Protein backbone atom coordinates (compact mmCIF):
# COMPACT_ATOMS: atom_id res chain seq x y z
CA MET A 1 7.02 33.59 -62.81
CA LYS A 2 9.32 32.70 -59.94
CA GLU A 3 12.81 32.69 -61.39
CA ASN A 4 15.11 32.14 -58.42
CA ARG A 5 14.94 30.46 -55.05
CA GLY A 6 18.56 30.18 -54.09
CA ASN A 7 19.61 26.78 -55.39
CA THR A 8 17.21 24.89 -53.17
CA LEU A 9 18.10 21.63 -54.88
CA ALA A 10 21.83 22.08 -54.46
CA CYS A 11 23.67 20.22 -51.71
CA THR A 12 26.10 21.97 -49.41
CA TYR A 13 29.38 20.24 -50.13
CA PRO A 14 29.70 19.10 -53.76
CA VAL A 15 30.74 22.45 -55.08
CA LEU A 16 31.24 23.04 -58.76
CA ILE A 17 31.81 26.66 -59.61
CA PRO A 18 28.28 27.99 -59.29
CA ALA A 19 27.46 24.84 -57.81
CA LEU A 20 30.87 26.99 -58.19
CA LEU A 21 31.75 26.41 -60.90
CA ALA A 22 36.57 27.92 -62.70
CA ALA A 23 41.85 26.84 -70.59
CA LEU A 24 44.46 28.47 -74.30
CA LEU A 25 47.17 26.05 -75.25
CA LEU A 26 48.26 24.07 -78.30
CA GLY A 27 45.54 21.57 -79.10
CA CYS A 28 42.63 23.75 -78.00
CA GLY A 29 39.51 23.42 -80.14
CA ASP A 30 39.45 21.31 -83.31
CA SER A 31 42.46 19.13 -83.94
CA SER A 32 42.68 20.74 -87.37
CA GLN A 33 43.41 24.10 -85.74
CA SER A 34 47.01 24.54 -84.64
CA MET A 35 46.47 28.12 -83.47
CA LEU A 36 43.63 30.33 -82.31
CA GLY A 37 44.36 33.27 -84.55
CA ASP A 38 46.25 36.39 -83.44
CA PHE A 39 44.89 36.09 -79.92
CA TYR A 40 46.42 32.65 -79.52
CA VAL A 41 49.79 33.71 -80.89
CA THR A 42 50.16 36.80 -78.73
CA ASN A 43 48.33 36.03 -75.51
CA VAL A 44 48.14 32.31 -74.74
CA ALA A 45 51.33 32.11 -72.70
CA SER A 46 50.45 35.09 -70.53
CA ALA A 47 46.84 33.88 -70.12
CA TYR A 48 48.05 30.48 -68.95
CA GLY A 49 50.50 32.00 -66.50
CA GLU A 50 47.86 34.38 -65.16
CA ALA A 51 45.38 31.52 -64.77
CA LYS A 52 47.85 29.54 -62.70
CA HIS A 53 48.52 32.58 -60.55
CA VAL A 54 44.77 33.08 -60.00
CA ILE A 55 44.30 29.50 -58.79
CA GLU A 56 47.38 29.53 -56.59
CA ALA A 57 46.15 32.73 -54.95
CA ALA A 58 42.68 31.28 -54.47
CA LEU A 59 44.07 28.13 -52.85
CA ALA A 60 45.65 30.40 -50.25
CA ASP A 61 42.73 32.83 -49.97
CA ASN A 62 41.27 33.60 -46.53
CA ASP A 63 37.81 32.93 -47.98
CA PRO A 64 37.01 29.18 -47.69
CA VAL A 65 34.57 29.41 -50.62
CA ALA A 66 37.41 30.65 -52.84
CA ARG A 67 39.58 27.77 -51.65
CA VAL A 68 36.84 25.25 -52.45
CA ASN A 69 36.39 26.78 -55.91
CA ALA A 70 40.11 26.62 -56.60
CA ILE A 71 40.34 23.00 -55.46
CA GLU A 72 37.45 22.11 -57.77
CA VAL A 73 39.34 23.70 -60.67
CA VAL A 74 42.48 21.70 -59.92
CA GLY A 75 40.52 18.46 -59.61
CA THR A 76 38.38 18.83 -62.71
CA THR A 77 41.11 20.13 -65.01
CA GLY A 78 43.71 17.54 -64.04
CA ARG A 79 46.28 20.01 -62.71
CA VAL A 80 48.49 17.51 -60.87
CA ASP A 81 51.22 20.16 -60.62
CA LEU A 82 48.99 22.07 -58.19
CA MET A 83 48.02 19.05 -56.10
CA PRO A 84 50.78 19.54 -53.48
CA LYS A 85 49.02 22.80 -52.55
CA VAL A 86 45.66 21.02 -52.51
CA GLN A 87 47.08 18.22 -50.39
CA ARG A 88 47.92 20.69 -47.63
CA LEU A 89 44.26 21.71 -47.55
CA VAL A 90 43.11 18.28 -46.34
CA GLN A 91 44.00 19.74 -42.92
CA ASP A 92 42.03 22.94 -43.43
CA GLN A 93 39.91 24.13 -40.51
CA TYR A 94 36.78 24.27 -42.68
CA ALA A 95 35.04 20.98 -43.42
CA PRO A 96 33.89 21.91 -46.98
CA VAL A 97 37.53 22.65 -47.86
CA ARG A 98 38.67 19.29 -46.47
CA PHE A 99 35.82 17.64 -48.38
CA ALA A 100 36.86 19.31 -51.66
CA ALA A 101 40.54 18.47 -51.13
CA ALA A 102 39.78 14.80 -50.50
CA LEU A 103 37.53 14.75 -53.56
CA ALA A 104 40.33 16.15 -55.74
CA VAL A 105 42.77 13.55 -54.40
CA GLY A 106 40.34 10.85 -55.42
CA ASP A 107 39.39 12.32 -58.78
CA LEU A 108 43.03 12.68 -59.81
CA GLN A 109 44.07 9.45 -58.05
CA TYR A 110 46.86 11.46 -56.46
CA SER A 111 48.68 8.70 -54.56
CA PRO A 112 51.25 11.00 -52.82
CA ALA A 113 48.35 12.26 -50.69
CA GLN A 114 47.12 8.83 -49.60
CA ARG A 115 48.68 9.06 -46.13
CA SER A 116 47.14 12.50 -45.69
CA LEU A 117 43.72 10.91 -46.04
CA SER A 118 44.07 8.72 -42.96
CA PRO A 119 43.06 11.42 -40.43
CA LEU A 120 40.06 12.33 -42.60
CA LEU A 121 38.71 8.80 -42.26
CA LYS A 122 38.03 9.70 -38.62
CA ASP A 123 37.13 13.34 -39.20
CA GLN A 124 34.64 15.05 -36.91
CA ASP A 125 32.51 15.85 -39.98
CA SER A 126 30.79 12.84 -41.54
CA ASN A 127 30.80 14.47 -44.97
CA VAL A 128 34.59 14.59 -44.91
CA ILE A 129 34.75 10.91 -43.92
CA VAL A 130 32.62 10.06 -46.95
CA ALA A 131 34.85 12.10 -49.30
CA ALA A 132 38.01 10.53 -47.86
CA SER A 133 36.50 7.06 -48.28
CA TYR A 134 35.68 7.86 -51.91
CA ALA A 135 39.30 8.97 -52.42
CA MET A 136 40.67 5.82 -50.81
CA GLY A 137 38.51 3.76 -53.14
CA ARG A 138 39.79 5.65 -56.15
CA LEU A 139 43.35 4.98 -54.95
CA GLY A 140 42.71 1.24 -54.98
CA ALA A 141 41.29 0.47 -51.55
CA VAL A 142 37.86 -0.28 -53.02
CA GLU A 143 36.54 -1.63 -49.71
CA TYR A 144 36.12 2.00 -48.65
CA TYR A 145 33.38 2.45 -51.25
CA GLN A 146 31.16 0.58 -48.80
CA VAL A 147 31.42 3.58 -46.45
CA VAL A 148 30.07 5.80 -49.21
CA ARG A 149 27.31 3.35 -49.98
CA GLN A 150 26.25 3.16 -46.34
CA ALA A 151 26.28 6.95 -46.05
CA ALA A 152 23.61 7.08 -48.75
CA GLN A 153 21.22 5.82 -46.05
CA SER A 154 22.23 8.48 -43.51
CA LYS A 155 19.52 10.37 -41.65
CA ASP A 156 21.58 13.53 -42.20
CA GLU A 157 20.37 15.00 -45.50
CA THR A 158 23.70 16.64 -46.33
CA VAL A 159 25.64 13.43 -45.73
CA ARG A 160 23.10 11.46 -47.76
CA GLY A 161 23.21 13.93 -50.64
CA ASN A 162 27.00 13.98 -50.75
CA ALA A 163 27.20 10.20 -50.62
CA VAL A 164 24.79 9.96 -53.56
CA PHE A 165 26.85 12.55 -55.44
CA LEU A 166 29.99 10.46 -54.91
CA LEU A 167 28.29 7.19 -55.85
CA GLY A 168 27.56 8.75 -59.24
CA LYS A 169 31.26 9.50 -59.65
CA ILE A 170 32.41 5.97 -58.87
CA GLY A 171 31.15 4.85 -62.29
CA ASP A 172 29.68 1.51 -61.23
CA LYS A 173 26.27 0.89 -62.80
CA GLY A 174 25.71 -1.73 -60.14
CA LEU A 175 24.99 1.19 -57.82
CA LEU A 176 21.90 2.25 -59.77
CA ASN A 177 19.58 0.31 -57.49
CA VAL A 178 21.00 2.14 -54.47
CA LEU A 179 20.47 5.48 -56.18
CA LYS A 180 16.92 4.59 -57.23
CA SER A 181 16.15 3.58 -53.66
CA VAL A 182 17.37 6.92 -52.31
CA GLN A 183 15.44 8.82 -54.95
CA GLU A 184 12.21 7.01 -54.20
CA ASP A 185 12.61 7.22 -50.42
CA THR A 186 9.91 9.54 -49.08
CA ASP A 187 12.33 10.63 -46.33
CA SER A 188 14.73 12.08 -48.92
CA SER A 189 14.57 15.83 -49.41
CA ASP A 190 14.12 17.44 -52.83
CA ARG A 191 17.81 18.19 -53.10
CA VAL A 192 18.82 14.61 -52.22
CA ARG A 193 16.37 13.23 -54.79
CA PHE A 194 17.89 15.56 -57.36
CA GLN A 195 21.41 14.41 -56.46
CA ALA A 196 20.23 10.84 -56.99
CA LEU A 197 18.82 11.77 -60.40
CA GLU A 198 22.05 13.48 -61.41
CA ALA A 199 24.12 10.54 -60.18
CA ARG A 200 21.98 8.19 -62.26
CA ALA A 201 22.51 10.45 -65.25
CA ARG A 202 26.28 10.28 -64.71
CA LEU A 203 25.98 6.50 -64.81
CA GLY A 204 24.10 6.68 -68.12
CA ASP A 205 20.65 5.73 -66.84
CA GLU A 206 18.29 7.06 -69.52
CA GLU A 207 15.28 6.39 -67.31
CA VAL A 208 15.97 9.69 -65.54
CA LEU A 209 15.33 11.76 -68.65
CA GLN A 210 11.62 12.24 -68.02
CA ARG A 211 12.13 13.60 -64.51
CA LEU A 212 15.07 15.77 -65.50
CA TRP A 213 12.91 17.20 -68.28
CA ALA A 214 10.49 18.47 -65.63
CA ILE A 215 13.32 20.13 -63.69
CA VAL A 216 14.74 21.73 -66.83
CA TYR A 217 11.37 23.43 -67.34
CA SER A 218 10.84 24.34 -63.68
CA ALA A 219 9.44 27.75 -62.77
CA TYR A 220 12.63 28.34 -60.79
CA ALA A 221 15.69 29.44 -62.75
CA ASP A 222 18.22 27.90 -60.36
CA ASP A 223 16.50 24.53 -60.61
CA ARG A 224 16.51 24.79 -64.40
CA VAL A 225 20.27 25.35 -64.36
CA LEU A 226 20.81 22.31 -62.15
CA GLY A 227 18.58 20.24 -64.44
CA ILE A 228 20.50 21.42 -67.50
CA ARG A 229 23.78 20.30 -65.95
CA ALA A 230 22.31 16.89 -65.10
CA ILE A 231 20.99 16.54 -68.67
CA GLY A 232 24.49 17.35 -69.88
CA ALA A 233 25.91 14.61 -67.64
CA LEU A 234 23.59 12.10 -69.33
CA GLY A 235 24.98 13.14 -72.70
CA THR A 236 22.67 11.14 -74.96
CA PRO A 237 21.40 12.39 -78.36
CA ARG A 238 18.00 13.08 -76.78
CA ALA A 239 19.68 14.96 -73.94
CA ARG A 240 21.48 17.11 -76.52
CA GLU A 241 18.17 17.91 -78.24
CA ILE A 242 16.75 19.13 -74.93
CA LEU A 243 19.82 21.28 -74.27
CA VAL A 244 19.41 22.96 -77.68
CA THR A 245 15.87 24.00 -76.74
CA LYS A 246 17.22 25.67 -73.59
CA LEU A 247 19.36 28.03 -75.67
CA ASP A 248 16.12 30.01 -75.99
CA ASP A 249 15.37 30.03 -72.26
CA ALA A 250 14.05 33.31 -70.90
CA VAL A 251 16.81 33.37 -68.25
CA LEU A 252 20.33 34.21 -69.38
CA GLU A 253 22.04 31.91 -66.86
CA ALA A 254 20.01 28.95 -68.16
CA ARG A 255 21.01 29.79 -71.76
CA LEU A 256 24.66 29.96 -70.74
CA ALA A 257 24.44 26.70 -68.81
CA ALA A 258 22.92 25.01 -71.87
CA ALA A 259 25.69 26.44 -74.07
CA GLU A 260 28.29 25.10 -71.62
CA GLN A 261 26.80 21.61 -71.54
CA LEU A 262 26.49 21.47 -75.32
CA GLY A 263 30.13 22.51 -75.57
CA LYS A 264 31.05 19.68 -73.23
CA LEU A 265 29.33 17.34 -75.71
CA GLY A 266 31.36 18.80 -78.59
CA ASP A 267 28.53 20.98 -79.89
CA ARG A 268 29.28 24.70 -80.34
CA THR A 269 25.70 25.70 -81.12
CA GLY A 270 25.58 27.85 -78.00
CA GLU A 271 28.41 30.18 -79.06
CA PRO A 272 26.04 33.09 -79.96
CA GLN A 273 24.42 32.97 -76.52
CA VAL A 274 27.82 33.45 -74.89
CA LEU A 275 28.97 36.09 -77.37
CA GLU A 276 25.98 38.29 -76.62
CA VAL A 277 27.11 38.60 -73.00
CA PHE A 278 30.14 40.55 -74.20
CA GLU A 279 28.81 42.16 -77.37
CA LYS A 280 25.77 43.53 -75.52
CA ASN A 281 27.58 44.04 -72.21
CA LEU A 282 24.91 42.01 -70.40
CA ALA A 283 26.94 41.68 -67.20
CA ALA A 284 26.99 45.44 -66.69
CA GLY A 285 24.49 47.20 -64.45
CA PRO A 286 23.85 48.27 -60.88
CA ASP A 287 23.41 44.70 -59.59
CA THR A 288 27.05 43.65 -59.17
CA GLN A 289 26.16 40.21 -57.84
CA ALA A 290 24.06 39.44 -60.92
CA GLY A 291 26.87 40.68 -63.16
CA GLU A 292 29.36 38.49 -61.33
CA ARG A 293 27.11 35.46 -61.77
CA ILE A 294 26.68 36.11 -65.50
CA ASN A 295 30.44 36.44 -66.00
CA VAL A 296 31.06 33.19 -64.15
CA PHE A 297 28.52 31.33 -66.30
CA ALA A 298 29.98 32.88 -69.45
CA ALA A 299 33.54 31.91 -68.49
CA LEU A 300 32.51 28.33 -67.79
CA ALA A 301 30.78 28.13 -71.17
CA ILE A 302 33.88 29.49 -72.92
CA GLY A 303 35.92 26.73 -71.30
CA GLN A 304 33.77 24.13 -73.03
CA ILE A 305 33.09 25.79 -76.40
CA ARG A 306 36.64 27.11 -76.95
CA THR A 307 36.27 29.01 -80.20
CA PRO A 308 38.60 31.92 -81.04
CA ALA A 309 35.62 34.30 -81.02
CA LEU A 310 35.08 33.46 -77.33
CA THR A 311 38.54 32.74 -75.95
CA LYS A 312 39.62 36.32 -76.65
CA TYR A 313 37.47 37.38 -73.71
CA LEU A 314 39.36 35.26 -71.20
CA PRO A 315 42.28 37.62 -70.52
CA PRO A 316 40.02 40.45 -69.28
CA LEU A 317 37.96 37.95 -67.28
CA LEU A 318 41.17 36.81 -65.59
CA LYS A 319 41.57 40.37 -64.34
CA ASN A 320 37.94 40.88 -63.32
CA GLU A 321 37.41 42.55 -59.95
CA SER A 322 35.54 39.46 -58.71
CA LYS A 323 37.79 36.62 -57.60
CA TYR A 324 35.05 34.14 -58.46
CA VAL A 325 34.98 35.37 -62.05
CA ARG A 326 38.78 35.13 -62.14
CA ILE A 327 38.64 31.54 -60.86
CA ALA A 328 36.02 30.59 -63.47
CA ALA A 329 38.13 32.19 -66.22
CA ALA A 330 41.21 30.32 -64.98
CA LYS A 331 39.27 27.08 -65.20
CA ALA A 332 38.38 27.92 -68.80
CA VAL A 333 42.05 28.59 -69.63
CA PHE A 334 43.08 25.23 -68.17
CA GLN A 335 40.26 23.39 -69.92
CA CYS A 336 41.55 24.28 -73.38
CA ASN A 337 44.59 22.13 -72.66
CA MET A 338 42.58 19.08 -71.70
CA ARG A 339 41.57 17.83 -75.16
């Protein structure tokens, strides 16, 4: 069985910690729980401080991939206090970093950065123009959404895929026809068609379930993970049932992705799959890249499930030798303060 083909469905710019993928304060977990046991009492403050330090360091890292990851964490966890640092990155020399920074400005509707977006509307990279237009729309200038819509017809596959990704985030079900058109266009690549499916799932279109089902059971592990995340975005009862079946997937990363998505839906059924990573030391071994990937997936799942049995593993993950694991763990620490 072919298990991996390098995220062939994934687009270049919309990065989500592995797509990237990167939470222990009062209010974490069930509302009936005021504390997370001894771990919460003794370590939450230091874990939170360490998480913030990790993200601040990553925002200033020489590695553009680390910067993109850190920006994604700020944008998806609502860390407005870190947005001034993100705002400076709209002028970064690397287009994916500018793209991610503009996306975060839009997602958080961070109005202090609106003037900083103006140069991006004429950026040399069309992907950045699309992200800046999305951000302007989110800040109230909704006429800029038309730029995103038009970009969905671009001949450039990366631009088209990113535009479709952003259309799914706008939240307007009136865009479903545009997304269906892109998906059915024979000129669209596999990855663009997948982005259209995921965008439709974000907009609650249950018609995509059948096709996502096929991706979730693909022979390729990376495609299965992407399908699992799209199923999670749909979030229907049937989608949840499918996610539960993937807790038995032969590939660990797929099991962890399913556990993460179930956690996002308020279902902690996947806790045992995450626990076994640590109890059986599954990230250890000679393949350091595989171990890094497993730890990142585990950290992201912890950020959604948030039980005391799992959150106790975040402090050591925050000190992992891999900066990408540290960023994922920092995201998990921040996420526990979001509900």
